[in-house]
């Protein structure tokens, strides 16, 4: 499909919004509501399944999820609906991003979850590589999907999505393409502009799971795990697409992820100290299972605020400083830790106290 770029550039100068630079080298002329919420760190990522028809070499999904029928809400493995609700509450989520794998392989699962979230006022956007028919689009609209982002695998056969895009518009769903910057595809440009939808272009990213495949396809990794040369491909799209958003690897880390951490951290008990990066600092009293009840009784007797974990009990730094000698005399190990406020509680730094 041939595009007259002289005409496209002239038309864009007439009706294109001003390009806005944002964090981490990202920029846009248009942001969908889903992207606005992601930028705030307000979107919960609902990984609906790791199963997928495709095997795109650039897919960054981890080996523990890829090809497996598992559900995650952010970092939390989901076994029941209340796990999703708990994660929504933990970050005061204003939206949900449904992803995978291929989410539409679990169409009934999506509908069941969204029906349960009905009337929550939460914004929902969904990623898919399937050119869904009108019946599916209508059903997604009825259960509360506000936005759909289509990804043509390897950026091939984008014309197959025209019917799905038109159905989405018909049923009031905001719609666009979301693609990795692996190459410039003229047909995507033409469809995006002619149907007046948005185009999100993601900087290509290396991960533990796709590293070998990326190298096989001649990509080289930059210092932030970005694929060298990917941004330049995105810049070419920006020149000729009216509703455009470039999302860099750095932006995902310094803006989206960090802001989500901060939202989660400030929802935790006040004895946790929140850092500028969204991590939390506290003291950890470690104990064997046989001593757990004794530590619990001790903390209750001291009227201490605490949170019980698999490793022991998290308390404030101030409490430990005041009672350190007494705690050590009981034979318990004590450390100051810095960790993520996420469900998997990954510890970044640990400093034992003596």
C-alpha atoms as a PDB file:
ATOM      1  CA  UNK A   1       0.000   0.000   0.000  1.00  0.00           C
ATOM      2  CA  UNK A   2       1.681   3.225  -1.181  1.00  0.00           C
ATOM      3  CA  UNK A   3       1.355   6.422   0.848  1.00  0.00           C
ATOM      4  CA  UNK A   4       1.838   9.943  -0.590  1.00  0.00           C
ATOM      5  CA  UNK A   5       3.974  11.376   2.199  1.00  0.00           C
ATOM      6  CA  UNK A   6       4.067  14.895   0.748  1.00  0.00           C
ATOM      7  CA  UNK A   7       0.286  15.019   1.026  1.00  0.00           C
ATOM      8  CA  UNK A   8       0.342  13.412   4.478  1.00  0.00           C
ATOM      9  CA  UNK A   9       2.884  15.901   5.864  1.00  0.00           C
ATOM     10  CA  UNK A  10       1.011  18.878   4.414  1.00  0.00           C
ATOM     11  CA  UNK A  11      -2.280  17.663   5.903  1.00  0.00           C
ATOM     12  CA  UNK A  12      -0.647  17.012   9.261  1.00  0.00           C
ATOM     13  CA  UNK A  13       0.723  20.561   9.424  1.00  0.00           C
ATOM     14  CA  UNK A  14      -2.843  21.757   9.051  1.00  0.00           C
ATOM     15  CA  UNK A  15      -4.610  19.588  11.610  1.00  0.00           C
ATOM     16  CA  UNK A  16      -1.986  17.895  13.795  1.00  0.00           C
ATOM     17  CA  UNK A  17      -1.717  18.757  17.473  1.00  0.00           C
ATOM     18  CA  UNK A  18       1.557  20.028  18.884  1.00  0.00           C
ATOM     19  CA  UNK A  19       4.072  17.321  19.750  1.00  0.00           C
ATOM     20  CA  UNK A  20       4.589  17.214  23.513  1.00  0.00           C
ATOM     21  CA  UNK A  21       7.746  15.840  25.099  1.00  0.00           C
ATOM     22  CA  UNK A  22       7.299  13.936  28.362  1.00  0.00           C
ATOM     23  CA  UNK A  23       9.411  11.767  30.666  1.00  0.00           C
ATOM     24  CA  UNK A  24      12.117   9.386  29.530  1.00  0.00           C
ATOM     25  CA  UNK A  25      12.246  10.622  25.951  1.00  0.00           C
ATOM     26  CA  UNK A  26       8.627   9.751  25.228  1.00  0.00           C
ATOM     27  CA  UNK A  27       6.431  12.160  23.291  1.00  0.00           C
ATOM     28  CA  UNK A  28       2.949  12.393  21.826  1.00  0.00           C
ATOM     29  CA  UNK A  29       0.486  14.376  19.774  1.00  0.00           C
ATOM     30  CA  UNK A  30      -2.399  12.409  21.268  1.00  0.00           C
ATOM     31  CA  UNK A  31      -2.886  10.344  24.428  1.00  0.00           C
ATOM     32  CA  UNK A  32      -5.789   7.971  24.861  1.00  0.00           C
ATOM     33  CA  UNK A  33      -7.419   7.790  28.280  1.00  0.00           C
ATOM     34  CA  UNK A  34      -5.650   4.490  28.941  1.00  0.00           C
ATOM     35  CA  UNK A  35      -2.275   6.105  28.259  1.00  0.00           C
ATOM     36  CA  UNK A  36      -3.100   9.044  30.528  1.00  0.00           C
ATOM     37  CA  UNK A  37      -3.839   6.644  33.384  1.00  0.00           C
ATOM     38  CA  UNK A  38      -0.690   4.610  32.684  1.00  0.00           C
ATOM     39  CA  UNK A  39       1.361   7.786  32.867  1.00  0.00           C
ATOM     40  CA  UNK A  40      -0.121   8.444  36.319  1.00  0.00           C
ATOM     41  CA  UNK A  41       0.770   4.912  37.423  1.00  0.00           C
ATOM     42  CA  UNK A  42      -2.947   4.360  37.946  1.00  0.00           C
ATOM     43  CA  UNK A  43      -3.463   1.308  35.723  1.00  0.00           C
ATOM     44  CA  UNK A  44      -3.509  -2.225  37.084  1.00  0.00           C
ATOM     45  CA  UNK A  45      -2.062  -4.686  34.561  1.00  0.00           C
ATOM     46  CA  UNK A  46      -4.345  -7.717  34.392  1.00  0.00           C
ATOM     47  CA  UNK A  47      -2.454 -10.514  32.644  1.00  0.00           C
ATOM     48  CA  UNK A  48      -5.357 -12.719  31.631  1.00  0.00           C
ATOM     49  CA  UNK A  49      -3.421 -15.676  30.154  1.00  0.00           C
ATOM     50  CA  UNK A  50       0.011 -16.539  28.807  1.00  0.00           C
ATOM     51  CA  UNK A  51      -1.470 -18.573  25.959  1.00  0.00           C
ATOM     52  CA  UNK A  52      -1.195 -17.098  22.466  1.00  0.00           C
ATOM     53  CA  UNK A  53      -1.589 -18.132  18.831  1.00  0.00           C
ATOM     54  CA  UNK A  54       1.522 -16.194  17.869  1.00  0.00           C
ATOM     55  CA  UNK A  55       5.220 -16.572  18.690  1.00  0.00           C
ATOM     56  CA  UNK A  56       6.566 -13.071  18.039  1.00  0.00           C
ATOM     57  CA  UNK A  57      10.317 -12.966  18.556  1.00  0.00           C
ATOM     58  CA  UNK A  58      10.111  -9.593  20.334  1.00  0.00           C
ATOM     59  CA  UNK A  59       7.563 -10.719  22.947  1.00  0.00           C
ATOM     60  CA  UNK A  60       9.029  -9.779  26.376  1.00  0.00           C
ATOM     61  CA  UNK A  61       6.774 -11.997  28.516  1.00  0.00           C
ATOM     62  CA  UNK A  62       8.675 -13.944  31.180  1.00  0.00           C
ATOM     63  CA  UNK A  63       9.146 -17.701  30.916  1.00  0.00           C
ATOM     64  CA  UNK A  64       7.033 -18.248  34.039  1.00  0.00           C
ATOM     65  CA  UNK A  65       4.027 -16.772  32.201  1.00  0.00           C
ATOM     66  CA  UNK A  66       4.665 -17.408  28.505  1.00  0.00           C
ATOM     67  CA  UNK A  67       2.468 -20.158  27.085  1.00  0.00           C
ATOM     68  CA  UNK A  68       0.884 -20.880  30.464  1.00  0.00           C
ATOM     69  CA  UNK A  69      -2.761 -20.331  31.349  1.00  0.00           C
ATOM     70  CA  UNK A  70      -2.124 -18.196  34.426  1.00  0.00           C
ATOM     71  CA  UNK A  71      -3.604 -14.923  35.653  1.00  0.00           C
ATOM     72  CA  UNK A  72      -1.661 -12.100  37.297  1.00  0.00           C
ATOM     73  CA  UNK A  73      -2.776  -8.740  38.646  1.00  0.00           C
ATOM     74  CA  UNK A  74       0.455  -6.752  38.447  1.00  0.00           C
ATOM     75  CA  UNK A  75       2.941  -9.041  40.228  1.00  0.00           C
ATOM     76  CA  UNK A  76       0.254 -10.937  42.181  1.00  0.00           C
ATOM     77  CA  UNK A  77      -0.759 -14.426  41.019  1.00  0.00           C
ATOM     78  CA  UNK A  78      -4.540 -14.516  40.852  1.00  0.00           C
ATOM     79  CA  UNK A  79      -6.452 -17.514  42.154  1.00  0.00           C
ATOM     80  CA  UNK A  80      -9.783 -15.853  42.917  1.00  0.00           C
ATOM     81  CA  UNK A  81     -11.545 -12.617  42.025  1.00  0.00           C
ATOM     82  CA  UNK A  82     -10.805 -11.055  45.416  1.00  0.00           C
ATOM     83  CA  UNK A  83      -7.078 -11.167  44.537  1.00  0.00           C
ATOM     84  CA  UNK A  84      -7.785  -8.711  41.713  1.00  0.00           C
ATOM     85  CA  UNK A  85      -9.839  -6.477  43.989  1.00  0.00           C
ATOM     86  CA  UNK A  86      -7.088  -6.491  46.633  1.00  0.00           C
ATOM     87  CA  UNK A  87      -4.531  -5.419  44.033  1.00  0.00           C
ATOM     88  CA  UNK A  88      -6.829  -2.689  42.712  1.00  0.00           C
ATOM     89  CA  UNK A  89      -7.232  -1.368  46.247  1.00  0.00           C
ATOM     90  CA  UNK A  90      -3.518  -1.633  47.036  1.00  0.00           C
ATOM     91  CA  UNK A  91      -2.690   0.915  44.323  1.00  0.00           C
ATOM     92  CA  UNK A  92      -5.971   2.877  44.227  1.00  0.00           C
ATOM     93  CA  UNK A  93      -6.219   1.858  40.586  1.00  0.00           C
ATOM     94  CA  UNK A  94      -8.287   4.043  38.286  1.00  0.00           C
ATOM     95  CA  UNK A  95      -8.048   1.623  35.383  1.00  0.00           C
ATOM     96  CA  UNK A  96      -7.284  -1.917  34.273  1.00  0.00           C
ATOM     97  CA  UNK A  97      -5.145  -2.916  31.275  1.00  0.00           C
ATOM     98  CA  UNK A  98      -6.077  -6.407  30.053  1.00  0.00           C
ATOM     99  CA  UNK A  99      -3.140  -8.125  28.414  1.00  0.00           C
ATOM    100  CA  UNK A 100      -1.471 -11.477  27.798  1.00  0.00           C
ATOM    101  CA  UNK A 101      -0.572 -13.696  25.868  1.00  0.00           C
ATOM    102  CA  UNK A 102      -3.682 -13.288  23.818  1.00  0.00           C
ATOM    103  CA  UNK A 103      -6.540 -12.102  26.069  1.00  0.00           C
ATOM    104  CA  UNK A 104      -9.339 -12.928  23.618  1.00  0.00           C
ATOM    105  CA  UNK A 105      -8.457 -16.626  23.873  1.00  0.00           C
ATOM    106  CA  UNK A 106     -10.115 -16.297  27.297  1.00  0.00           C
ATOM    107  CA  UNK A 107     -13.087 -14.253  26.151  1.00  0.00           C
ATOM    108  CA  UNK A 108     -15.500 -15.699  28.730  1.00  0.00           C
ATOM    109  CA  UNK A 109     -12.961 -15.118  31.504  1.00  0.00           C
ATOM    110  CA  UNK A 110     -12.675 -11.457  30.537  1.00  0.00           C
ATOM    111  CA  UNK A 111     -16.442 -11.036  30.546  1.00  0.00           C
ATOM    112  CA  UNK A 112     -16.773 -12.747  33.933  1.00  0.00           C
ATOM    113  CA  UNK A 113     -14.163 -10.491  35.543  1.00  0.00           C
ATOM    114  CA  UNK A 114     -15.501  -7.285  33.999  1.00  0.00           C
ATOM    115  CA  UNK A 115     -19.067  -8.112  34.983  1.00  0.00           C
ATOM    116  CA  UNK A 116     -17.835  -8.499  38.564  1.00  0.00           C
ATOM    117  CA  UNK A 117     -16.151  -5.082  38.300  1.00  0.00           C
ATOM    118  CA  UNK A 118     -19.352  -3.546  36.931  1.00  0.00           C
ATOM    119  CA  UNK A 119     -20.229  -0.083  38.272  1.00  0.00           C
ATOM    120  CA  UNK A 120     -16.747   0.343  39.737  1.00  0.00           C
ATOM    121  CA  UNK A 121     -16.140   3.333  37.476  1.00  0.00           C
ATOM    122  CA  UNK A 122     -12.795   1.878  36.463  1.00  0.00           C
ATOM    123  CA  UNK A 123     -11.439   2.458  32.942  1.00  0.00           C
ATOM    124  CA  UNK A 124     -10.624  -0.702  30.966  1.00  0.00           C
ATOM    125  CA  UNK A 125      -8.386  -1.051  27.941  1.00  0.00           C
ATOM    126  CA  UNK A 126      -7.566  -4.293  26.175  1.00  0.00           C
ATOM    127  CA  UNK A 127      -4.708  -5.437  23.938  1.00  0.00           C
ATOM    128  CA  UNK A 128      -5.294  -8.048  21.254  1.00  0.00           C
ATOM    129  CA  UNK A 129      -3.779  -9.360  18.041  1.00  0.00           C
ATOM    130  CA  UNK A 130      -7.094 -10.908  16.948  1.00  0.00           C
ATOM    131  CA  UNK A 131      -9.205  -8.986  14.366  1.00  0.00           C
ATOM    132  CA  UNK A 132     -12.363  -9.530  16.405  1.00  0.00           C
ATOM    133  CA  UNK A 133     -15.770  -9.621  14.716  1.00  0.00           C
ATOM    134  CA  UNK A 134     -18.642  -7.260  15.507  1.00  0.00           C
ATOM    135  CA  UNK A 135     -20.312  -9.681  17.919  1.00  0.00           C
ATOM    136  CA  UNK A 136     -17.199  -9.861  20.086  1.00  0.00           C
ATOM    137  CA  UNK A 137     -16.650  -6.092  19.956  1.00  0.00           C
ATOM    138  CA  UNK A 138     -20.276  -5.459  20.949  1.00  0.00           C
ATOM    139  CA  UNK A 139     -19.970  -7.917  23.845  1.00  0.00           C
ATOM    140  CA  UNK A 140     -16.755  -6.253  25.056  1.00  0.00           C
ATOM    141  CA  UNK A 141     -18.508  -2.900  24.971  1.00  0.00           C
ATOM    142  CA  UNK A 142     -21.401  -4.290  27.005  1.00  0.00           C
ATOM    143  CA  UNK A 143     -19.138  -5.540  29.803  1.00  0.00           C
ATOM    144  CA  UNK A 144     -17.232  -2.275  30.086  1.00  0.00           C
ATOM    145  CA  UNK A 145     -14.222  -2.243  27.738  1.00  0.00           C
ATOM    146  CA  UNK A 146     -13.512   1.427  27.019  1.00  0.00           C
ATOM    147  CA  UNK A 147     -10.519   1.100  24.736  1.00  0.00           C
ATOM    148  CA  UNK A 148      -9.005  -1.519  22.402  1.00  0.00           C
ATOM    149  CA  UNK A 149      -5.468  -1.604  21.017  1.00  0.00           C
ATOM    150  CA  UNK A 150      -4.826  -3.908  18.076  1.00  0.00           C
ATOM    151  CA  UNK A 151      -1.414  -5.417  17.424  1.00  0.00           C
ATOM    152  CA  UNK A 152      -0.839  -6.989  14.000  1.00  0.00           C
ATOM    153  CA  UNK A 153       1.829  -9.651  14.679  1.00  0.00           C
ATOM    154  CA  UNK A 154       5.083  -8.696  12.959  1.00  0.00           C
ATOM    155  CA  UNK A 155       3.053  -5.679  11.663  1.00  0.00           C
ATOM    156  CA  UNK A 156       1.654  -7.810   8.840  1.00  0.00           C
ATOM    157  CA  UNK A 157      -1.850  -7.814   7.346  1.00  0.00           C
ATOM    158  CA  UNK A 158      -3.029  -4.691   9.140  1.00  0.00           C
ATOM    159  CA  UNK A 159      -5.941  -4.419   6.682  1.00  0.00           C
ATOM    160  CA  UNK A 160      -7.579  -7.348   8.510  1.00  0.00           C
ATOM    161  CA  UNK A 161      -8.310  -5.008  11.444  1.00  0.00           C
ATOM    162  CA  UNK A 162     -10.336  -2.415   9.515  1.00  0.00           C
ATOM    163  CA  UNK A 163     -13.651  -4.136  10.274  1.00  0.00           C
ATOM    164  CA  UNK A 164     -12.754  -4.521  13.960  1.00  0.00           C
ATOM    165  CA  UNK A 165     -11.770  -0.860  14.168  1.00  0.00           C
ATOM    166  CA  UNK A 166     -15.018   0.281  12.573  1.00  0.00           C
ATOM    167  CA  UNK A 167     -17.035  -1.953  14.931  1.00  0.00           C
ATOM    168  CA  UNK A 168     -15.174  -0.516  17.922  1.00  0.00           C
ATOM    169  CA  UNK A 169     -15.996   3.021  16.803  1.00  0.00           C
ATOM    170  CA  UNK A 170     -19.623   2.007  16.241  1.00  0.00           C
ATOM    171  CA  UNK A 171     -19.979   0.744  19.820  1.00  0.00           C
ATOM    172  CA  UNK A 172     -18.235   3.715  21.422  1.00  0.00           C
ATOM    173  CA  UNK A 173     -14.898   2.047  22.175  1.00  0.00           C
ATOM    174  CA  UNK A 174     -11.804   4.178  21.667  1.00  0.00           C
ATOM    175  CA  UNK A 175      -9.510   2.273  19.348  1.00  0.00           C
ATOM    176  CA  UNK A 176      -6.040   2.311  17.893  1.00  0.00           C
ATOM    177  CA  UNK A 177      -2.993   0.292  16.953  1.00  0.00           C
ATOM    178  CA  UNK A 178      -0.270  -0.453  19.477  1.00  0.00           C
ATOM    179  CA  UNK A 179       2.897  -1.784  17.886  1.00  0.00           C
ATOM    180  CA  UNK A 180       6.581  -2.291  18.631  1.00  0.00           C
ATOM    181  CA  UNK A 181       8.997  -0.191  16.576  1.00  0.00           C
ATOM    182  CA  UNK A 182      10.463  -3.110  14.639  1.00  0.00           C
ATOM    183  CA  UNK A 183      10.026  -1.566  11.185  1.00  0.00           C
ATOM    184  CA  UNK A 184       8.048   1.091   9.338  1.00  0.00           C
ATOM    185  CA  UNK A 185       4.777  -0.209   7.892  1.00  0.00           C
ATOM    186  CA  UNK A 186       2.961   2.086   5.450  1.00  0.00           C
ATOM    187  CA  UNK A 187      -0.416   0.340   5.668  1.00  0.00           C
ATOM    188  CA  UNK A 188      -0.636   1.012   9.404  1.00  0.00           C
ATOM    189  CA  UNK A 189      -0.032   4.707   8.764  1.00  0.00           C
ATOM    190  CA  UNK A 190      -2.753   4.839   6.109  1.00  0.00           C
ATOM    191  CA  UNK A 191      -5.383   3.028   8.215  1.00  0.00           C
ATOM    192  CA  UNK A 192      -4.577   5.088  11.306  1.00  0.00           C
ATOM    193  CA  UNK A 193      -5.002   8.421   9.540  1.00  0.00           C
ATOM    194  CA  UNK A 194      -7.947   7.487   7.340  1.00  0.00           C
ATOM    195  CA  UNK A 195      -9.995   6.046  10.226  1.00  0.00           C
ATOM    196  CA  UNK A 196      -8.826   8.797  12.629  1.00  0.00           C
ATOM    197  CA  UNK A 197      -7.600   6.390  15.302  1.00  0.00           C
ATOM    198  CA  UNK A 198      -4.468   6.552  17.453  1.00  0.00           C
ATOM    199  CA  UNK A 199      -1.129   4.839  17.009  1.00  0.00           C
ATOM    200  CA  UNK A 200       1.002   3.920  20.021  1.00  0.00           C
ATOM    201  CA  UNK A 201       4.537   2.892  19.103  1.00  0.00           C
ATOM    202  CA  UNK A 202       6.610   1.186  21.793  1.00  0.00           C
ATOM    203  CA  UNK A 203      10.377   1.237  21.793  1.00  0.00           C
ATOM    204  CA  UNK A 204      11.580  -2.320  21.311  1.00  0.00           C
ATOM    205  CA  UNK A 205      12.778  -3.812  24.613  1.00  0.00           C
ATOM    206  CA  UNK A 206      15.125  -6.623  25.562  1.00  0.00           C
ATOM    207  CA  UNK A 207      14.045  -8.998  28.345  1.00  0.00           C
ATOM    208  CA  UNK A 208      15.472 -12.176  29.863  1.00  0.00           C
ATOM    209  CA  UNK A 209      13.050 -14.265  27.807  1.00  0.00           C
ATOM    210  CA  UNK A 210      13.499 -12.635  24.389  1.00  0.00           C
ATOM    211  CA  UNK A 211      17.223 -11.790  24.544  1.00  0.00           C
ATOM    212  CA  UNK A 212      18.421 -14.618  22.320  1.00  0.00           C
ATOM    213  CA  UNK A 213      15.664 -14.122  19.736  1.00  0.00           C
ATOM    214  CA  UNK A 214      16.330 -10.383  19.586  1.00  0.00           C
ATOM    215  CA  UNK A 215      19.999 -11.020  18.907  1.00  0.00           C
ATOM    216  CA  UNK A 216      19.099 -13.535  16.211  1.00  0.00           C
ATOM    217  CA  UNK A 217      17.142 -10.751  14.495  1.00  0.00           C
ATOM    218  CA  UNK A 218      20.239  -8.502  14.622  1.00  0.00           C
ATOM    219  CA  UNK A 219      19.064  -6.127  17.341  1.00  0.00           C
ATOM    220  CA  UNK A 220      21.640  -4.726  19.766  1.00  0.00           C
ATOM    221  CA  UNK A 221      20.845  -3.685  23.315  1.00  0.00           C
ATOM    222  CA  UNK A 222      21.331  -0.182  24.705  1.00  0.00           C
ATOM    223  CA  UNK A 223      22.117   0.727  28.306  1.00  0.00           C
ATOM    224  CA  UNK A 224      18.430   0.762  29.356  1.00  0.00           C
ATOM    225  CA  UNK A 225      17.568  -2.568  27.666  1.00  0.00           C
ATOM    226  CA  UNK A 226      16.202  -0.705  24.639  1.00  0.00           C
ATOM    227  CA  UNK A 227      16.906  -1.973  21.129  1.00  0.00           C
ATOM    228  CA  UNK A 228      19.302   0.395  19.403  1.00  0.00           C
ATOM    229  CA  UNK A 229      17.664   1.931  16.347  1.00  0.00           C
ATOM    230  CA  UNK A 230      14.081   1.279  17.446  1.00  0.00           C
ATOM    231  CA  UNK A 231      13.402   4.891  18.431  1.00  0.00           C
ATOM    232  CA  UNK A 232      14.459   6.087  14.987  1.00  0.00           C
ATOM    233  CA  UNK A 233      11.787   3.837  13.466  1.00  0.00           C
ATOM    234  CA  UNK A 234       9.207   5.343  15.844  1.00  0.00           C
ATOM    235  CA  UNK A 235      10.291   8.841  14.799  1.00  0.00           C
ATOM    236  CA  UNK A 236       9.441   7.977  11.185  1.00  0.00           C
ATOM    237  CA  UNK A 237       5.870   7.129  12.213  1.00  0.00           C
ATOM    238  CA  UNK A 238       5.638  10.390  14.155  1.00  0.00           C
ATOM    239  CA  UNK A 239       6.327  12.362  10.992  1.00  0.00           C
ATOM    240  CA  UNK A 240       3.222  11.072   9.203  1.00  0.00           C
ATOM    241  CA  UNK A 241       0.687   9.987  11.854  1.00  0.00           C
ATOM    242  CA  UNK A 242      -1.698  12.550  13.334  1.00  0.00           C
ATOM    243  CA  UNK A 243      -2.664  10.798  16.590  1.00  0.00           C
ATOM    244  CA  UNK A 244       0.681   9.458  17.740  1.00  0.00           C
ATOM    245  CA  UNK A 245       2.375   8.384  20.960  1.00  0.00           C
ATOM    246  CA  UNK A 246       5.916   7.090  21.358  1.00  0.00           C
ATOM    247  CA  UNK A 247       6.509   5.131  24.587  1.00  0.00           C
ATOM    248  CA  UNK A 248      10.175   4.625  25.453  1.00  0.00           C
ATOM    249  CA  UNK A 249      11.673   1.896  27.619  1.00  0.00           C
ATOM    250  CA  UNK A 250      12.911   4.532  30.074  1.00  0.00           C
ATOM    251  CA  UNK A 251       9.431   6.047  30.325  1.00  0.00           C
ATOM    252  CA  UNK A 252       7.970   2.705  31.399  1.00  0.00           C
ATOM    253  CA  UNK A 253      10.511   2.540  34.219  1.00  0.00           C
ATOM    254  CA  UNK A 254      10.875   6.103  35.479  1.00  0.00           C
ATOM    255  CA  UNK A 255       7.263   7.179  35.040  1.00  0.00           C
ATOM    256  CA  UNK A 256       4.735   4.348  34.821  1.00  0.00           C
ATOM    257  CA  UNK A 257       6.364   1.850  37.179  1.00  0.00           C
ATOM    258  CA  UNK A 258       7.733   4.401  39.660  1.00  0.00           C
ATOM    259  CA  UNK A 259       4.412   6.206  39.946  1.00  0.00           C
ATOM    260  CA  UNK A 260       2.563   2.952  40.513  1.00  0.00           C
ATOM    261  CA  UNK A 261       5.005   2.101  43.283  1.00  0.00           C
ATOM    262  CA  UNK A 262       4.427   5.470  44.930  1.00  0.00           C
ATOM    263  CA  UNK A 263       0.661   4.987  44.815  1.00  0.00           C
ATOM    264  CA  UNK A 264       1.059   1.577  46.440  1.00  0.00           C
ATOM    265  CA  UNK A 265       3.559   2.796  49.018  1.00  0.00           C
ATOM    266  CA  UNK A 266       1.320   5.574  50.308  1.00  0.00           C
ATOM    267  CA  UNK A 267      -1.518   3.061  50.755  1.00  0.00           C
ATOM    268  CA  UNK A 268       0.591   1.084  53.210  1.00  0.00           C
ATOM    269  CA  UNK A 269       0.611   1.606  57.010  1.00  0.00           C
ATOM    270  CA  UNK A 270       2.231   4.863  58.077  1.00  0.00           C
ATOM    271  CA  UNK A 271       5.218   3.248  59.779  1.00  0.00           C
ATOM    272  CA  UNK A 272       6.754   2.534  56.355  1.00  0.00           C
ATOM    273  CA  UNK A 273       9.011   5.306  55.049  1.00  0.00           C
ATOM    274  CA  UNK A 274       8.422   6.043  51.368  1.00  0.00           C
ATOM    275  CA  UNK A 275      11.401   6.945  49.169  1.00  0.00           C
ATOM    276  CA  UNK A 276      11.356   9.152  46.077  1.00  0.00           C
ATOM    277  CA  UNK A 277      11.578   5.986  43.965  1.00  0.00           C
ATOM    278  CA  UNK A 278       8.443   4.520  45.527  1.00  0.00           C
ATOM    279  CA  UNK A 279      10.243   1.872  47.577  1.00  0.00           C
ATOM    280  CA  UNK A 280       9.601   1.550  51.316  1.00  0.00           C
ATOM    281  CA  UNK A 281      11.971   1.322  54.267  1.00  0.00           C
ATOM    282  CA  UNK A 282      11.216  -0.466  57.530  1.00  0.00           C
ATOM    283  CA  UNK A 283      12.726  -2.877  60.035  1.00  0.00           C
ATOM    284  CA  UNK A 284      12.335  -6.649  59.721  1.00  0.00           C
ATOM    285  CA  UNK A 285      12.324  -8.932  62.762  1.00  0.00           C
ATOM    286  CA  UNK A 286      13.076 -12.399  61.453  1.00  0.00           C
ATOM    287  CA  UNK A 287      12.083 -15.520  63.323  1.00  0.00           C
ATOM    288  CA  UNK A 288      11.607 -19.254  62.917  1.00  0.00           C
ATOM    289  CA  UNK A 289       8.080 -20.598  62.726  1.00  0.00           C
ATOM    290  CA  UNK A 290       8.447 -21.946  66.269  1.00  0.00           C
ATOM    291  CA  UNK A 291       9.133 -18.412  67.571  1.00  0.00           C
ATOM    292  CA  UNK A 292       6.477 -16.611  65.525  1.00  0.00           C
ATOM    293  CA  UNK A 293       3.851 -16.599  68.258  1.00  0.00           C
ATOM    294  CA  UNK A 294       6.363 -15.243  70.811  1.00  0.00           C
ATOM    295  CA  UNK A 295       7.319 -12.351  68.518  1.00  0.00           C
ATOM    296  CA  UNK A 296       3.675 -11.588  67.833  1.00  0.00           C
ATOM    297  CA  UNK A 297       2.876 -11.491  71.569  1.00  0.00           C
ATOM    298  CA  UNK A 298       5.902  -9.284  72.201  1.00  0.00           C
ATOM    299  CA  UNK A 299       4.847  -6.751  69.557  1.00  0.00           C
ATOM    300  CA  UNK A 300       1.242  -6.733  70.751  1.00  0.00           C
ATOM    301  CA  UNK A 301       2.406  -6.192  74.321  1.00  0.00           C
ATOM    302  CA  UNK A 302       4.518  -3.258  73.141  1.00  0.00           C
ATOM    303  CA  UNK A 303       1.513  -1.885  71.201  1.00  0.00           C
ATOM    304  CA  UNK A 304       3.689  -1.805  68.089  1.00  0.00           C
ATOM    305  CA  UNK A 305       2.319  -1.398  64.597  1.00  0.00           C
ATOM    306  CA  UNK A 306       3.506  -4.330  62.502  1.00  0.00           C
ATOM    307  CA  UNK A 307       2.882  -6.337  59.361  1.00  0.00           C
ATOM    308  CA  UNK A 308       3.394 -10.091  59.386  1.00  0.00           C
ATOM    309  CA  UNK A 309       5.232 -11.677  56.449  1.00  0.00           C
ATOM    310  CA  UNK A 310       6.607 -15.106  55.583  1.00  0.00           C
ATOM    311  CA  UNK A 311      10.016 -13.943  56.829  1.00  0.00           C
ATOM    312  CA  UNK A 312       8.865 -12.435  60.100  1.00  0.00           C
ATOM    313  CA  UNK A 313       7.441  -9.071  61.147  1.00  0.00           C
ATOM    314  CA  UNK A 314       7.915  -5.659  59.571  1.00  0.00           C
ATOM    315  CA  UNK A 315       7.920  -2.748  62.023  1.00  0.00           C
ATOM    316  CA  UNK A 316       9.089   0.849  62.038  1.00  0.00           C
ATOM    317  CA  UNK A 317      12.752   1.787  62.213  1.00  0.00           C
ATOM    318  CA  UNK A 318      11.956   3.891  65.277  1.00  0.00           C
ATOM    319  CA  UNK A 319      10.498   0.942  67.177  1.00  0.00           C
ATOM    320  CA  UNK A 320      13.597  -1.156  66.545  1.00  0.00           C
ATOM    321  CA  UNK A 321      15.966   1.668  67.491  1.00  0.00           C
ATOM    322  CA  UNK A 322      14.144   2.083  70.792  1.00  0.00           C
ATOM    323  CA  UNK A 323      13.944  -1.636  71.608  1.00  0.00           C
ATOM    324  CA  UNK A 324      16.938  -3.098  69.763  1.00  0.00           C
ATOM    325  CA  UNK A 325      18.822  -4.502  72.766  1.00  0.00           C
ATOM    326  CA  UNK A 326      15.700  -6.150  74.133  1.00  0.00           C
ATOM    327  CA  UNK A 327      14.846  -7.689  70.740  1.00  0.00           C
ATOM    328  CA  UNK A 328      18.371  -9.017  70.267  1.00  0.00           C
ATOM    329  CA  UNK A 329      18.356 -10.494  73.776  1.00  0.00           C
ATOM    330  CA  UNK A 330      15.412 -12.620  72.687  1.00  0.00           C
ATOM    331  CA  UNK A 331      17.664 -14.026  69.982  1.00  0.00           C
ATOM    332  CA  UNK A 332      15.813 -12.598  67.001  1.00  0.00           C
ATOM    333  CA  UNK A 333      17.563 -11.293  63.878  1.00  0.00           C
ATOM    334  CA  UNK A 334      16.815  -7.668  63.017  1.00  0.00           C
ATOM    335  CA  UNK A 335      17.539  -5.769  59.790  1.00  0.00           C
ATOM    336  CA  UNK A 336      16.667  -2.495  58.152  1.00  0.00           C
ATOM    337  CA  UNK A 337      15.287  -3.275  54.709  1.00  0.00           C
ATOM    338  CA  UNK A 338      14.304  -1.374  51.587  1.00  0.00           C
ATOM    339  CA  UNK A 339      11.793  -3.181  49.413  1.00  0.00           C
ATOM    340  CA  UNK A 340       9.213  -2.741  46.720  1.00  0.00           C
ATOM    341  CA  UNK A 341       5.660  -2.164  47.989  1.00  0.00           C
ATOM    342  CA  UNK A 342       4.405  -4.781  45.508  1.00  0.00           C
ATOM    343  CA  UNK A 343       2.807  -8.105  46.351  1.00  0.00           C
ATOM    344  CA  UNK A 344       6.028 -10.071  45.764  1.00  0.00           C
ATOM    345  CA  UNK A 345       7.812  -7.844  48.333  1.00  0.00           C
ATOM    346  CA  UNK A 346      11.225  -7.960  46.622  1.00  0.00           C
ATOM    347  CA  UNK A 347      13.935  -6.669  48.991  1.00  0.00           C
ATOM    348  CA  UNK A 348      16.416  -4.288  47.336  1.00  0.00           C
ATOM    349  CA  UNK A 349      18.715  -3.728  50.290  1.00  0.00           C
ATOM    350  CA  UNK A 350      19.105  -5.378  53.693  1.00  0.00           C
ATOM    351  CA  UNK A 351      21.296  -4.107  56.545  1.00  0.00           C
ATOM    352  CA  UNK A 352      21.500  -6.424  59.595  1.00  0.00           C
ATOM    353  CA  UNK A 353      21.622  -4.772  63.031  1.00  0.00           C
ATOM    354  CA  UNK A 354      23.845  -6.003  65.834  1.00  0.00           C
END
